[in-house]
């Protein structure tokens, strides 16, 4: 039979990200910068599955509850600049809450995940948001993510509808996405949107620091 070319390879269900520009990173690439992102939200909403899908493009049906904090690093490509994302997977259980807080204190981004099939995890978003506002930096990029959309096809029959999540995200002035870690839906889009915002903020900060540097040098010269 005819040999398949590289582009004609049969694509398995797991190869969701195959042609994503974001994932186009050379094996020996050196990152231009690094950003820290904390994943928070109730236990069992799919934070670990979301991270695994993003980092390895795989999905496992069962994960043990995260104890304390886990870390994964993923390199991505934004407009030919290599960015390292430190993904901090925090425990959702109440007894780890004080540990969790420490990790989003110095985060560049926070992703707050709830389960669209569980109203209680959505109701608890407000308490998580309060913690973020108390502990995170003012310029921290924040995203609200409703996960597990694959478990309920009909938005109207879902315990937490799309419009509910969008309205709450609007209230807090943060990004909003719905995702399915199982199917790989909107995982890359979420991470790309956050990474781009963090990069824009970092670029502005760097420009600002350069301007301060230049103006102070000019002042020094003027004194001579």
Protein backbone atom coordinates (compact mmCIF):
# COMPACT_ATOMS: atom_id res chain seq x y z
CA UNK A 1 0.00 0.00 0.00
CA UNK A 2 0.86 3.65 -0.24
CA UNK A 3 3.04 5.02 2.55
CA UNK A 4 1.58 7.76 4.67
CA UNK A 5 3.40 11.09 4.63
CA UNK A 6 4.03 12.90 7.90
CA UNK A 7 0.90 15.01 7.54
CA UNK A 8 -1.28 12.04 6.61
CA UNK A 9 -0.51 10.02 9.73
CA UNK A 10 -3.72 8.67 11.25
CA UNK A 11 -4.52 10.82 14.25
CA UNK A 12 -5.50 9.06 17.48
CA UNK A 13 -8.09 10.50 19.85
CA UNK A 14 -5.31 11.50 22.23
CA UNK A 15 -3.39 13.60 19.71
CA UNK A 16 -5.43 16.73 20.33
CA UNK A 17 -2.48 19.12 20.28
CA UNK A 18 -0.53 17.71 17.36
CA UNK A 19 -0.66 20.79 15.16
CA UNK A 20 -0.74 23.46 17.83
CA UNK A 21 1.87 26.17 17.25
CA UNK A 22 2.06 26.62 21.02
CA UNK A 23 3.56 23.15 21.42
CA UNK A 24 6.17 23.63 18.70
CA UNK A 25 9.26 23.63 20.93
CA UNK A 26 12.68 22.21 20.01
CA UNK A 27 13.94 19.52 22.43
CA UNK A 28 16.99 21.60 23.44
CA UNK A 29 15.15 24.94 23.60
CA UNK A 30 16.19 27.42 26.29
CA UNK A 31 13.29 29.49 27.67
CA UNK A 32 13.31 33.26 27.31
CA UNK A 33 11.41 33.60 30.61
CA UNK A 34 9.53 31.61 33.22
CA UNK A 35 6.05 32.13 34.67
CA UNK A 36 4.50 30.49 37.70
CA UNK A 37 0.85 29.40 37.51
CA UNK A 38 -1.07 27.98 40.47
CA UNK A 39 -4.06 25.69 39.89
CA UNK A 40 -6.62 26.00 42.67
CA UNK A 41 -10.18 24.86 43.35
CA UNK A 42 -12.04 22.15 45.22
CA UNK A 43 -10.75 18.60 45.40
CA UNK A 44 -11.87 16.39 42.49
CA UNK A 45 -12.63 19.13 39.93
CA UNK A 46 -9.88 17.91 37.60
CA UNK A 47 -6.89 20.19 38.23
CA UNK A 48 -4.38 17.32 37.98
CA UNK A 49 -6.09 15.92 34.86
CA UNK A 50 -6.04 19.39 33.25
CA UNK A 51 -2.29 19.72 33.89
CA UNK A 52 -1.56 16.17 32.70
CA UNK A 53 -3.52 16.74 29.50
CA UNK A 54 -1.62 19.97 28.85
CA UNK A 55 1.82 18.58 29.69
CA UNK A 56 1.63 15.06 28.24
CA UNK A 57 -1.57 15.07 26.12
CA UNK A 58 -2.82 12.09 28.11
CA UNK A 59 -5.82 11.47 30.33
CA UNK A 60 -6.16 9.02 33.21
CA UNK A 61 -9.59 8.12 34.56
CA UNK A 62 -8.43 8.00 38.15
CA UNK A 63 -5.98 10.11 40.12
CA UNK A 64 -5.28 9.99 43.82
CA UNK A 65 -6.12 13.30 45.50
CA UNK A 66 -3.16 15.68 45.40
CA UNK A 67 -1.42 15.89 48.78
CA UNK A 68 0.16 19.30 49.35
CA UNK A 69 1.55 20.56 46.05
CA UNK A 70 2.93 19.00 42.84
CA UNK A 71 5.00 20.82 40.21
CA UNK A 72 5.27 20.31 36.45
CA UNK A 73 7.18 22.48 33.99
CA UNK A 74 6.06 22.86 30.39
CA UNK A 75 7.84 24.81 27.64
CA UNK A 76 5.61 26.57 25.11
CA UNK A 77 6.17 28.71 22.04
CA UNK A 78 4.51 32.13 21.85
CA UNK A 79 5.37 33.93 18.61
CA UNK A 80 8.73 32.16 18.43
CA UNK A 81 9.63 33.01 22.00
CA UNK A 82 10.07 30.03 24.30
CA UNK A 83 8.33 30.42 27.64
CA UNK A 84 8.61 28.02 30.59
CA UNK A 85 5.42 27.55 32.58
CA UNK A 86 5.77 26.27 36.14
CA UNK A 87 2.43 24.60 36.85
CA UNK A 88 1.72 24.24 40.56
CA UNK A 89 -0.98 21.66 41.22
CA UNK A 90 -2.39 22.39 44.66
CA UNK A 91 -4.52 20.23 46.95
CA UNK A 92 -8.18 21.23 47.04
CA UNK A 93 -8.90 19.77 50.46
CA UNK A 94 -9.59 22.18 53.31
CA UNK A 95 -6.75 20.84 55.48
CA UNK A 96 -4.17 21.91 52.87
CA UNK A 97 -5.61 25.41 52.40
CA UNK A 98 -2.82 27.23 54.25
CA UNK A 99 -0.17 25.46 52.12
CA UNK A 100 -2.12 26.25 48.95
CA UNK A 101 -2.23 29.96 49.82
CA UNK A 102 1.56 30.14 50.00
CA UNK A 103 1.80 28.93 46.41
CA UNK A 104 -0.41 31.50 44.78
CA UNK A 105 1.14 34.32 46.76
CA UNK A 106 4.00 34.64 44.27
CA UNK A 107 2.19 33.37 41.17
CA UNK A 108 2.12 35.21 37.84
CA UNK A 109 -1.15 33.45 37.07
CA UNK A 110 -3.88 31.58 38.92
CA UNK A 111 -6.30 29.12 37.32
CA UNK A 112 -9.36 28.47 39.46
CA UNK A 113 -11.10 25.26 38.39
CA UNK A 114 -14.62 24.06 39.21
CA UNK A 115 -16.66 21.10 37.96
CA UNK A 116 -19.62 22.04 35.70
CA UNK A 117 -21.54 19.00 37.02
CA UNK A 118 -21.08 19.97 40.68
CA UNK A 119 -22.85 23.04 42.00
CA UNK A 120 -20.98 23.00 45.32
CA UNK A 121 -17.59 23.35 43.58
CA UNK A 122 -19.00 26.38 41.72
CA UNK A 123 -20.43 27.92 44.89
CA UNK A 124 -17.02 27.57 46.53
CA UNK A 125 -15.41 29.66 43.77
CA UNK A 126 -16.21 32.82 45.76
CA UNK A 127 -14.25 31.59 48.80
CA UNK A 128 -11.30 30.72 46.55
CA UNK A 129 -11.51 34.16 44.92
CA UNK A 130 -11.37 35.80 48.35
CA UNK A 131 -8.18 33.85 49.12
CA UNK A 132 -6.66 34.90 45.80
CA UNK A 133 -7.45 38.56 46.44
CA UNK A 134 -5.94 38.35 49.91
CA UNK A 135 -2.76 36.54 48.89
CA UNK A 136 -1.97 36.98 45.18
CA UNK A 137 -0.21 39.95 43.61
CA UNK A 138 -2.46 42.67 42.15
CA UNK A 139 -1.22 42.08 38.60
CA UNK A 140 -1.66 38.30 38.77
CA UNK A 141 -3.50 36.94 35.68
CA UNK A 142 -6.61 35.10 36.78
CA UNK A 143 -8.75 32.57 34.89
CA UNK A 144 -11.90 30.74 35.91
CA UNK A 145 -12.29 27.32 34.27
CA UNK A 146 -15.39 25.11 34.28
CA UNK A 147 -14.06 21.59 33.71
CA UNK A 148 -15.70 18.21 32.84
CA UNK A 149 -17.95 19.50 30.04
CA UNK A 150 -17.79 15.99 28.52
CA UNK A 151 -20.00 14.67 31.35
CA UNK A 152 -23.03 16.70 30.27
CA UNK A 153 -23.67 17.56 26.61
CA UNK A 154 -26.76 19.67 27.22
CA UNK A 155 -25.81 23.05 28.71
CA UNK A 156 -29.39 23.66 29.90
CA UNK A 157 -29.45 20.43 31.92
CA UNK A 158 -26.10 21.05 33.57
CA UNK A 159 -25.93 21.98 37.27
CA UNK A 160 -23.62 24.89 36.32
CA UNK A 161 -24.44 26.48 32.97
CA UNK A 162 -22.00 28.32 30.72
CA UNK A 163 -23.71 31.66 31.41
CA UNK A 164 -23.31 31.15 35.19
CA UNK A 165 -19.55 30.76 34.86
CA UNK A 166 -19.25 33.63 32.37
CA UNK A 167 -21.23 35.95 34.66
CA UNK A 168 -19.07 35.14 37.68
CA UNK A 169 -15.85 35.59 35.70
CA UNK A 170 -17.17 38.94 34.50
CA UNK A 171 -17.86 39.98 38.08
CA UNK A 172 -14.26 39.22 39.05
CA UNK A 173 -12.80 40.64 35.82
CA UNK A 174 -11.03 37.41 34.91
CA UNK A 175 -10.72 35.15 31.87
CA UNK A 176 -13.31 32.39 31.50
CA UNK A 177 -13.12 29.02 29.77
CA UNK A 178 -14.97 25.73 29.85
CA UNK A 179 -12.84 22.65 29.32
CA UNK A 180 -12.74 18.88 29.21
CA UNK A 181 -9.48 17.33 30.34
CA UNK A 182 -10.82 13.97 29.16
CA UNK A 183 -11.36 15.17 25.57
CA UNK A 184 -8.63 17.84 25.56
CA UNK A 185 -11.19 20.58 24.84
CA UNK A 186 -10.02 24.18 25.41
CA UNK A 187 -6.94 23.14 27.39
CA UNK A 188 -4.41 24.71 25.02
CA UNK A 189 -6.63 27.76 24.41
CA UNK A 190 -6.84 28.43 28.15
CA UNK A 191 -3.10 28.11 28.68
CA UNK A 192 -2.26 30.18 25.61
CA UNK A 193 -4.57 33.04 26.65
CA UNK A 194 -3.04 33.14 30.13
CA UNK A 195 0.54 32.84 28.86
CA UNK A 196 0.01 35.67 26.36
CA UNK A 197 -1.41 37.96 29.06
CA UNK A 198 1.47 37.18 31.42
CA UNK A 199 3.96 37.81 28.63
CA UNK A 200 2.33 41.16 27.73
CA UNK A 201 2.47 42.27 31.37
CA UNK A 202 6.08 41.15 31.65
CA UNK A 203 7.01 42.98 28.43
CA UNK A 204 5.44 46.20 29.74
CA UNK A 205 7.25 45.79 33.05
CA UNK A 206 10.58 45.24 31.30
CA UNK A 207 10.03 48.30 29.08
CA UNK A 208 9.12 50.34 32.15
CA UNK A 209 12.28 49.24 33.96
CA UNK A 210 14.37 50.09 30.90
CA UNK A 211 12.81 53.55 30.69
CA UNK A 212 13.54 54.18 34.38
CA UNK A 213 17.09 52.95 33.84
CA UNK A 214 17.66 55.25 30.85
CA UNK A 215 16.15 58.33 32.52
CA UNK A 216 18.22 57.82 35.69
CA UNK A 217 21.38 57.53 33.57
CA UNK A 218 20.49 60.78 31.82
CA UNK A 219 19.99 62.51 35.17
CA UNK A 220 23.35 61.28 36.40
CA UNK A 221 25.03 62.59 33.27
CA UNK A 222 23.34 65.95 33.71
CA UNK A 223 24.80 66.32 37.19
CA UNK A 224 28.40 66.05 36.02
